[in-house]
């Protein structure tokens, strides 16, 4: 979380933004931004996507999983998370069972994600991407 906080702070500094200004842009409470910057919490799925879209940055870089992103154009996801996740499970030959047993993700969460009942937390996005050996941006469908 500290790397996320550090990277978010740097992005805000580049744009001369303070917490209240970013909160207003993202239509969220200023205390959420403050907690992100203190490393106390991570945004929820939709808030994370909003940050990525606003800053037009790599999810992997923002999370501190990579130091730099390959030069590419990021786009908004073109399908629901459940559809994308289903495709990637097949593409990466990853079973739901292996996610439960080896990545310690509950079967109930996987079911909810596959059926768009709920979305993964930001730490779970990182876990999924690492386990499936793909980038978070690719998992989200932001790069092809």
N, C-alpha and C. Protein backbone atom coordinates (compact mmCIF):
# COMPACT_ATOMS: atom_id res chain seq x y z
N UNK A 1 0.82 -1.20 0.00
CA UNK A 1 0.00 0.00 0.00
C UNK A 1 0.85 1.26 0.00
N UNK A 2 2.03 1.18 0.62
CA UNK A 2 2.86 2.38 0.70
C UNK A 2 3.33 2.81 -0.68
N UNK A 3 3.61 1.85 -1.56
CA UNK A 3 4.04 2.18 -2.92
C UNK A 3 2.89 2.86 -3.67
N UNK A 4 1.68 2.36 -3.48
CA UNK A 4 0.50 2.98 -4.08
C UNK A 4 0.39 4.43 -3.61
N UNK A 5 0.51 4.63 -2.30
CA UNK A 5 0.40 5.98 -1.73
C UNK A 5 1.48 6.90 -2.31
N UNK A 6 2.68 6.39 -2.39
CA UNK A 6 3.81 7.16 -2.93
C UNK A 6 3.56 7.53 -4.40
N UNK A 7 3.11 6.57 -5.18
CA UNK A 7 2.88 6.82 -6.61
C UNK A 7 1.69 7.75 -6.85
N UNK A 8 0.64 7.59 -6.05
CA UNK A 8 -0.50 8.50 -6.17
C UNK A 8 -0.09 9.92 -5.83
N UNK A 9 0.70 10.06 -4.78
CA UNK A 9 1.19 11.37 -4.37
C UNK A 9 2.01 12.02 -5.49
N UNK A 10 2.86 11.23 -6.14
CA UNK A 10 3.67 11.76 -7.25
C UNK A 10 2.80 12.20 -8.41
N UNK A 11 1.78 11.42 -8.73
CA UNK A 11 0.87 11.80 -9.83
C UNK A 11 0.13 13.08 -9.50
N UNK A 12 -0.29 13.21 -8.26
CA UNK A 12 -0.99 14.42 -7.84
C UNK A 12 -0.07 15.63 -7.90
N UNK A 13 1.17 15.44 -7.47
CA UNK A 13 2.16 16.52 -7.49
C UNK A 13 2.42 16.99 -8.92
N UNK A 14 2.54 16.03 -9.85
CA UNK A 14 2.76 16.37 -11.26
C UNK A 14 1.65 17.26 -11.82
N UNK A 15 0.45 17.09 -11.29
CA UNK A 15 -0.70 17.85 -11.78
C UNK A 15 -1.09 18.99 -10.84
N UNK A 16 -0.26 19.25 -9.84
CA UNK A 16 -0.54 20.30 -8.86
C UNK A 16 -1.91 20.14 -8.21
N UNK A 17 -2.22 18.92 -7.80
CA UNK A 17 -3.50 18.61 -7.16
C UNK A 17 -3.32 18.33 -5.68
N UNK A 18 -4.24 18.82 -4.89
CA UNK A 18 -4.27 18.45 -3.48
C UNK A 18 -5.44 17.48 -3.27
N UNK A 19 -5.57 16.97 -2.07
CA UNK A 19 -6.62 15.99 -1.77
C UNK A 19 -8.03 16.51 -2.06
N UNK A 20 -8.37 17.71 -1.61
CA UNK A 20 -9.73 18.20 -1.90
C UNK A 20 -10.01 18.33 -3.40
N UNK A 21 -9.02 18.77 -4.16
CA UNK A 21 -9.22 18.94 -5.60
C UNK A 21 -9.42 17.58 -6.29
N UNK A 22 -8.60 16.60 -5.92
CA UNK A 22 -8.75 15.27 -6.53
C UNK A 22 -10.08 14.64 -6.10
N UNK A 23 -10.44 14.82 -4.86
CA UNK A 23 -11.72 14.28 -4.37
C UNK A 23 -12.89 14.86 -5.16
N UNK A 24 -12.82 16.15 -5.43
CA UNK A 24 -13.90 16.80 -6.19
C UNK A 24 -13.96 16.24 -7.61
N UNK A 25 -12.80 16.07 -8.24
CA UNK A 25 -12.74 15.55 -9.60
C UNK A 25 -13.31 14.14 -9.66
N UNK A 26 -12.95 13.32 -8.67
CA UNK A 26 -13.38 11.92 -8.65
C UNK A 26 -14.75 11.72 -8.00
N UNK A 27 -15.31 12.81 -7.49
CA UNK A 27 -16.62 12.76 -6.84
C UNK A 27 -16.62 11.77 -5.67
N UNK A 28 -15.63 11.95 -4.82
CA UNK A 28 -15.51 11.12 -3.63
C UNK A 28 -15.22 12.02 -2.44
N UNK A 29 -15.24 11.46 -1.27
CA UNK A 29 -14.95 12.22 -0.07
C UNK A 29 -13.45 12.46 0.06
N UNK A 30 -13.09 13.65 0.49
CA UNK A 30 -11.68 14.00 0.65
C UNK A 30 -10.95 13.04 1.59
N UNK A 31 -11.67 12.53 2.60
CA UNK A 31 -11.04 11.62 3.56
C UNK A 31 -10.57 10.34 2.87
N UNK A 32 -11.25 9.92 1.80
CA UNK A 32 -10.79 8.74 1.06
C UNK A 32 -9.42 8.99 0.46
N UNK A 33 -9.26 10.14 -0.18
CA UNK A 33 -7.98 10.47 -0.81
C UNK A 33 -6.90 10.57 0.26
N UNK A 34 -7.22 11.19 1.38
CA UNK A 34 -6.27 11.32 2.47
C UNK A 34 -5.82 9.95 2.98
N UNK A 35 -6.76 9.03 3.11
CA UNK A 35 -6.42 7.68 3.57
C UNK A 35 -5.55 6.95 2.55
N UNK A 36 -5.81 7.17 1.26
CA UNK A 36 -4.97 6.56 0.23
C UNK A 36 -3.54 7.07 0.37
N UNK A 37 -3.41 8.38 0.53
CA UNK A 37 -2.09 9.01 0.60
C UNK A 37 -1.33 8.63 1.87
N UNK A 38 -2.04 8.32 2.92
CA UNK A 38 -1.41 7.89 4.17
C UNK A 38 -1.09 6.39 4.16
N UNK A 39 -1.54 5.70 3.12
CA UNK A 39 -1.32 4.26 3.05
C UNK A 39 -2.23 3.47 3.98
N UNK A 40 -3.34 4.08 4.38
CA UNK A 40 -4.27 3.43 5.30
C UNK A 40 -5.27 2.52 4.58
N UNK A 41 -5.53 2.80 3.33
CA UNK A 41 -6.46 1.98 2.57
C UNK A 41 -6.23 2.15 1.08
N UNK A 42 -6.81 1.25 0.33
CA UNK A 42 -6.78 1.32 -1.12
C UNK A 42 -8.19 1.60 -1.62
N UNK A 43 -8.30 2.18 -2.79
CA UNK A 43 -9.65 2.44 -3.30
C UNK A 43 -10.37 1.14 -3.63
N UNK A 44 -11.67 1.23 -3.72
CA UNK A 44 -12.46 0.10 -4.20
C UNK A 44 -12.31 0.04 -5.72
N UNK A 45 -12.84 -1.01 -6.29
CA UNK A 45 -12.70 -1.28 -7.72
C UNK A 45 -13.03 -0.06 -8.59
N UNK A 46 -14.21 0.50 -8.44
CA UNK A 46 -14.63 1.62 -9.30
C UNK A 46 -13.78 2.87 -9.04
N UNK A 47 -13.43 3.11 -7.80
CA UNK A 47 -12.56 4.24 -7.48
C UNK A 47 -11.18 4.08 -8.09
N UNK A 48 -10.69 2.85 -8.07
CA UNK A 48 -9.38 2.55 -8.68
C UNK A 48 -9.44 2.82 -10.18
N UNK A 49 -10.50 2.35 -10.83
CA UNK A 49 -10.65 2.61 -12.27
C UNK A 49 -10.73 4.11 -12.56
N UNK A 50 -11.40 4.85 -11.70
CA UNK A 50 -11.50 6.30 -11.88
C UNK A 50 -10.13 6.97 -11.78
N UNK A 51 -9.31 6.52 -10.84
CA UNK A 51 -7.96 7.06 -10.72
C UNK A 51 -7.14 6.76 -11.97
N UNK A 52 -7.23 5.52 -12.43
CA UNK A 52 -6.47 5.11 -13.63
C UNK A 52 -6.90 5.93 -14.84
N UNK A 53 -8.19 6.13 -14.98
CA UNK A 53 -8.70 6.89 -16.12
C UNK A 53 -8.28 8.36 -16.02
N UNK A 54 -8.43 8.93 -14.84
CA UNK A 54 -8.10 10.35 -14.69
C UNK A 54 -6.61 10.60 -14.96
N UNK A 55 -5.75 9.78 -14.38
CA UNK A 55 -4.32 9.99 -14.54
C UNK A 55 -3.76 9.34 -15.81
N UNK A 56 -4.59 8.56 -16.49
CA UNK A 56 -4.17 7.84 -17.71
C UNK A 56 -2.84 7.12 -17.47
N UNK A 57 -2.84 6.31 -16.39
CA UNK A 57 -1.61 5.64 -16.00
C UNK A 57 -1.83 4.13 -15.90
N UNK A 58 -0.75 3.43 -15.79
CA UNK A 58 -0.78 1.98 -15.65
C UNK A 58 -1.19 1.58 -14.24
N UNK A 59 -2.09 0.61 -14.15
CA UNK A 59 -2.48 0.07 -12.85
C UNK A 59 -1.28 -0.57 -12.16
N UNK A 60 -0.47 -1.26 -12.94
CA UNK A 60 0.69 -1.95 -12.37
C UNK A 60 1.72 -0.98 -11.80
N UNK A 61 1.91 0.14 -12.47
CA UNK A 61 2.84 1.15 -11.98
C UNK A 61 2.26 1.84 -10.75
N UNK A 62 0.99 2.21 -10.81
CA UNK A 62 0.36 2.88 -9.67
C UNK A 62 0.41 1.99 -8.42
N UNK A 63 0.24 0.69 -8.60
CA UNK A 63 0.29 -0.23 -7.46
C UNK A 63 1.71 -0.56 -7.02
N UNK A 64 2.69 -0.18 -7.83
CA UNK A 64 4.08 -0.48 -7.48
C UNK A 64 4.51 -1.88 -7.87
N UNK A 65 3.73 -2.54 -8.74
CA UNK A 65 4.09 -3.88 -9.20
C UNK A 65 5.16 -3.83 -10.28
N UNK A 66 5.21 -2.73 -11.01
CA UNK A 66 6.22 -2.50 -12.04
C UNK A 66 6.74 -1.08 -11.90
N UNK A 67 7.98 -0.88 -12.32
CA UNK A 67 8.57 0.45 -12.24
C UNK A 67 8.14 1.34 -13.38
N UNK A 68 7.82 0.75 -14.51
CA UNK A 68 7.38 1.53 -15.66
C UNK A 68 6.45 0.67 -16.51
N UNK A 69 5.61 1.33 -17.26
CA UNK A 69 4.69 0.62 -18.15
C UNK A 69 5.22 0.68 -19.57
N UNK A 70 5.01 -0.37 -20.33
CA UNK A 70 5.41 -0.29 -21.74
C UNK A 70 4.59 0.82 -22.41
N UNK A 71 5.18 1.42 -23.40
CA UNK A 71 4.44 2.51 -24.05
C UNK A 71 3.24 1.92 -24.78
N UNK A 72 2.08 2.28 -24.30
CA UNK A 72 0.85 1.81 -24.92
C UNK A 72 -0.26 2.78 -24.57
N UNK A 73 -1.32 2.63 -25.27
CA UNK A 73 -2.48 3.47 -25.04
C UNK A 73 -3.45 2.69 -24.17
N UNK A 74 -3.86 3.28 -23.07
CA UNK A 74 -4.81 2.64 -22.18
C UNK A 74 -6.21 2.99 -22.65
N UNK A 75 -7.10 2.03 -22.54
CA UNK A 75 -8.49 2.29 -22.91
C UNK A 75 -9.40 1.81 -21.80
N UNK A 76 -10.63 2.25 -21.87
CA UNK A 76 -11.62 1.79 -20.89
C UNK A 76 -11.93 0.33 -21.19
N UNK A 77 -12.19 -0.45 -20.15
CA UNK A 77 -12.54 -1.85 -20.39
C UNK A 77 -13.75 -1.95 -21.33
N UNK A 78 -13.70 -2.90 -22.27
CA UNK A 78 -14.77 -3.02 -23.25
C UNK A 78 -15.81 -4.07 -22.88
N UNK A 79 -15.55 -4.85 -21.82
CA UNK A 79 -16.51 -5.84 -21.38
C UNK A 79 -16.62 -5.79 -19.87
N UNK A 80 -17.59 -6.50 -19.34
CA UNK A 80 -17.74 -6.53 -17.89
C UNK A 80 -16.55 -7.28 -17.30
N UNK A 81 -16.30 -7.07 -16.03
CA UNK A 81 -15.18 -7.77 -15.40
C UNK A 81 -15.41 -9.27 -15.47
N UNK A 82 -16.62 -9.72 -15.23
CA UNK A 82 -16.91 -11.15 -15.25
C UNK A 82 -16.59 -11.78 -16.59
N UNK A 83 -16.99 -11.12 -17.67
CA UNK A 83 -16.68 -11.63 -19.02
C UNK A 83 -15.17 -11.71 -19.22
N UNK A 84 -14.50 -10.63 -18.88
CA UNK A 84 -13.04 -10.56 -19.06
C UNK A 84 -12.36 -11.65 -18.24
N UNK A 85 -12.77 -11.80 -17.00
CA UNK A 85 -12.18 -12.78 -16.09
C UNK A 85 -12.38 -14.19 -16.64
N UNK A 86 -13.57 -14.48 -17.13
CA UNK A 86 -13.87 -15.79 -17.70
C UNK A 86 -12.94 -16.09 -18.89
N UNK A 87 -12.78 -15.11 -19.77
CA UNK A 87 -11.89 -15.26 -20.94
C UNK A 87 -10.45 -15.50 -20.49
N UNK A 88 -10.01 -14.73 -19.50
CA UNK A 88 -8.61 -14.85 -19.05
C UNK A 88 -8.34 -16.16 -18.32
N UNK A 89 -9.32 -16.70 -17.63
CA UNK A 89 -9.13 -18.00 -17.00
C UNK A 89 -8.82 -19.04 -18.08
N UNK A 90 -9.56 -18.98 -19.19
CA UNK A 90 -9.31 -19.92 -20.29
C UNK A 90 -7.97 -19.62 -20.96
N UNK A 91 -7.74 -18.33 -21.25
CA UNK A 91 -6.53 -17.91 -21.96
C UNK A 91 -5.26 -18.30 -21.21
N UNK A 92 -5.30 -18.19 -19.89
CA UNK A 92 -4.11 -18.49 -19.08
C UNK A 92 -4.12 -19.91 -18.52
N UNK A 93 -5.16 -20.68 -18.90
CA UNK A 93 -5.29 -22.06 -18.43
C UNK A 93 -5.27 -22.12 -16.91
N UNK A 94 -6.02 -21.22 -16.28
CA UNK A 94 -6.10 -21.14 -14.83
C UNK A 94 -7.46 -21.66 -14.40
N UNK A 95 -7.47 -22.60 -13.47
CA UNK A 95 -8.74 -23.13 -12.98
C UNK A 95 -9.20 -22.36 -11.76
N UNK A 96 -10.50 -22.39 -11.55
CA UNK A 96 -11.04 -21.78 -10.34
C UNK A 96 -10.49 -22.51 -9.11
N UNK A 97 -10.34 -23.81 -9.23
CA UNK A 97 -9.80 -24.61 -8.14
C UNK A 97 -8.40 -24.14 -7.75
N UNK A 98 -7.55 -23.87 -8.75
CA UNK A 98 -6.18 -23.43 -8.44
C UNK A 98 -6.19 -22.06 -7.76
N UNK A 99 -7.13 -21.21 -8.13
CA UNK A 99 -7.23 -19.91 -7.47
C UNK A 99 -7.60 -20.08 -6.00
N UNK A 100 -8.50 -21.02 -5.73
CA UNK A 100 -8.92 -21.28 -4.35
C UNK A 100 -7.77 -21.89 -3.56
N UNK A 101 -7.18 -22.94 -4.12
CA UNK A 101 -6.17 -23.70 -3.39
C UNK A 101 -4.80 -23.02 -3.31
N UNK A 102 -4.37 -22.41 -4.40
CA UNK A 102 -3.01 -21.87 -4.44
C UNK A 102 -2.93 -20.36 -4.22
N UNK A 103 -3.96 -19.64 -4.65
CA UNK A 103 -3.93 -18.18 -4.49
C UNK A 103 -4.74 -17.74 -3.27
N UNK A 104 -5.36 -18.69 -2.60
CA UNK A 104 -6.14 -18.40 -1.39
C UNK A 104 -7.26 -17.39 -1.62
N UNK A 105 -7.96 -17.54 -2.73
CA UNK A 105 -9.11 -16.70 -3.03
C UNK A 105 -10.35 -17.57 -2.86
N UNK A 106 -11.34 -17.07 -2.17
CA UNK A 106 -12.51 -17.90 -1.88
C UNK A 106 -13.31 -18.19 -3.15
N UNK A 107 -13.88 -19.38 -3.18
CA UNK A 107 -14.73 -19.77 -4.30
C UNK A 107 -15.93 -18.85 -4.43
N UNK A 108 -16.43 -18.35 -3.31
CA UNK A 108 -17.57 -17.44 -3.33
C UNK A 108 -17.20 -16.14 -4.04
N UNK A 109 -16.01 -15.62 -3.76
CA UNK A 109 -15.56 -14.39 -4.45
C UNK A 109 -15.45 -14.64 -5.94
N UNK A 110 -14.84 -15.75 -6.32
CA UNK A 110 -14.68 -16.06 -7.74
C UNK A 110 -16.03 -16.14 -8.43
N UNK A 111 -16.99 -16.81 -7.79
CA UNK A 111 -18.34 -16.90 -8.35
C UNK A 111 -18.94 -15.51 -8.55
N UNK A 112 -18.81 -14.66 -7.55
CA UNK A 112 -19.38 -13.31 -7.63
C UNK A 112 -18.70 -12.49 -8.72
N UNK A 113 -17.39 -12.63 -8.88
CA UNK A 113 -16.67 -11.89 -9.92
C UNK A 113 -17.08 -12.37 -11.30
N UNK A 114 -17.18 -13.68 -11.48
CA UNK A 114 -17.54 -14.25 -12.78
C UNK A 114 -18.95 -13.84 -13.20
N UNK A 115 -19.80 -13.61 -12.22
CA UNK A 115 -21.19 -13.26 -12.50
C UNK A 115 -21.50 -11.78 -12.30
N UNK A 116 -20.46 -10.97 -12.19
CA UNK A 116 -20.59 -9.52 -12.02
C UNK A 116 -21.51 -9.12 -10.86
N UNK A 117 -21.47 -9.92 -9.81
CA UNK A 117 -22.23 -9.60 -8.60
C UNK A 117 -21.42 -8.63 -7.76
N UNK A 118 -20.11 -8.80 -7.77
CA UNK A 118 -19.21 -7.88 -7.09
C UNK A 118 -17.90 -7.84 -7.87
N UNK A 119 -17.00 -6.96 -7.44
CA UNK A 119 -15.72 -6.78 -8.11
C UNK A 119 -14.59 -7.09 -7.14
N UNK A 120 -13.45 -7.51 -7.66
CA UNK A 120 -12.32 -7.79 -6.77
C UNK A 120 -11.80 -6.51 -6.11
N UNK A 121 -11.28 -6.68 -4.91
CA UNK A 121 -10.59 -5.57 -4.27
C UNK A 121 -9.29 -5.32 -5.03
N UNK A 122 -8.68 -4.18 -4.80
CA UNK A 122 -7.41 -3.88 -5.47
C UNK A 122 -6.34 -4.91 -5.11
N UNK A 123 -6.20 -5.32 -3.83
CA UNK A 123 -5.22 -6.38 -3.54
C UNK A 123 -5.53 -7.69 -4.28
N UNK A 124 -6.81 -8.01 -4.41
CA UNK A 124 -7.16 -9.23 -5.15
C UNK A 124 -6.87 -9.10 -6.64
N UNK A 125 -7.01 -7.90 -7.19
CA UNK A 125 -6.62 -7.70 -8.60
C UNK A 125 -5.13 -8.01 -8.77
N UNK A 126 -4.32 -7.52 -7.83
CA UNK A 126 -2.88 -7.76 -7.90
C UNK A 126 -2.58 -9.25 -7.74
N UNK A 127 -3.27 -9.91 -6.83
CA UNK A 127 -3.08 -11.35 -6.62
C UNK A 127 -3.45 -12.13 -7.87
N UNK A 128 -4.61 -11.82 -8.46
CA UNK A 128 -5.03 -12.50 -9.68
C UNK A 128 -4.03 -12.32 -10.80
N UNK A 129 -3.61 -11.08 -11.02
CA UNK A 129 -2.67 -10.79 -12.11
C UNK A 129 -1.35 -11.53 -11.89
N UNK A 130 -0.85 -11.52 -10.69
CA UNK A 130 0.41 -12.20 -10.39
C UNK A 130 0.25 -13.71 -10.59
N UNK A 131 -0.83 -14.26 -10.07
CA UNK A 131 -1.05 -15.70 -10.17
C UNK A 131 -1.22 -16.14 -11.63
N UNK A 132 -1.91 -15.32 -12.42
CA UNK A 132 -2.17 -15.65 -13.82
C UNK A 132 -1.02 -15.21 -14.73
N UNK A 133 -0.01 -14.56 -14.15
CA UNK A 133 1.16 -14.06 -14.87
C UNK A 133 0.77 -13.11 -16.00
N UNK A 134 -0.07 -12.16 -15.64
CA UNK A 134 -0.49 -11.10 -16.57
C UNK A 134 -0.42 -9.78 -15.81
N UNK A 135 -0.54 -8.68 -16.52
CA UNK A 135 -0.55 -7.38 -15.84
C UNK A 135 -1.95 -7.07 -15.33
N UNK A 136 -2.04 -6.22 -14.35
CA UNK A 136 -3.33 -5.77 -13.84
C UNK A 136 -4.08 -5.04 -14.96
N UNK A 137 -3.35 -4.27 -15.75
CA UNK A 137 -3.98 -3.56 -16.87
C UNK A 137 -4.61 -4.54 -17.86
N UNK A 138 -3.93 -5.64 -18.13
CA UNK A 138 -4.47 -6.65 -19.04
C UNK A 138 -5.68 -7.34 -18.41
N UNK A 139 -5.59 -7.63 -17.12
CA UNK A 139 -6.70 -8.23 -16.38
C UNK A 139 -7.95 -7.35 -16.47
N UNK A 140 -7.75 -6.06 -16.34
CA UNK A 140 -8.86 -5.12 -16.39
C UNK A 140 -9.36 -4.85 -17.81
N UNK A 141 -8.60 -5.30 -18.80
CA UNK A 141 -9.01 -5.05 -20.19
C UNK A 141 -8.65 -3.67 -20.67
N UNK A 142 -7.69 -3.03 -20.01
CA UNK A 142 -7.27 -1.68 -20.39
C UNK A 142 -6.24 -1.69 -21.51
N UNK A 143 -5.57 -2.83 -21.69
CA UNK A 143 -4.65 -3.01 -22.82
C UNK A 143 -4.99 -4.33 -23.49
N UNK A 144 -4.71 -4.41 -24.74
CA UNK A 144 -5.04 -5.64 -25.51
C UNK A 144 -3.84 -6.51 -25.67
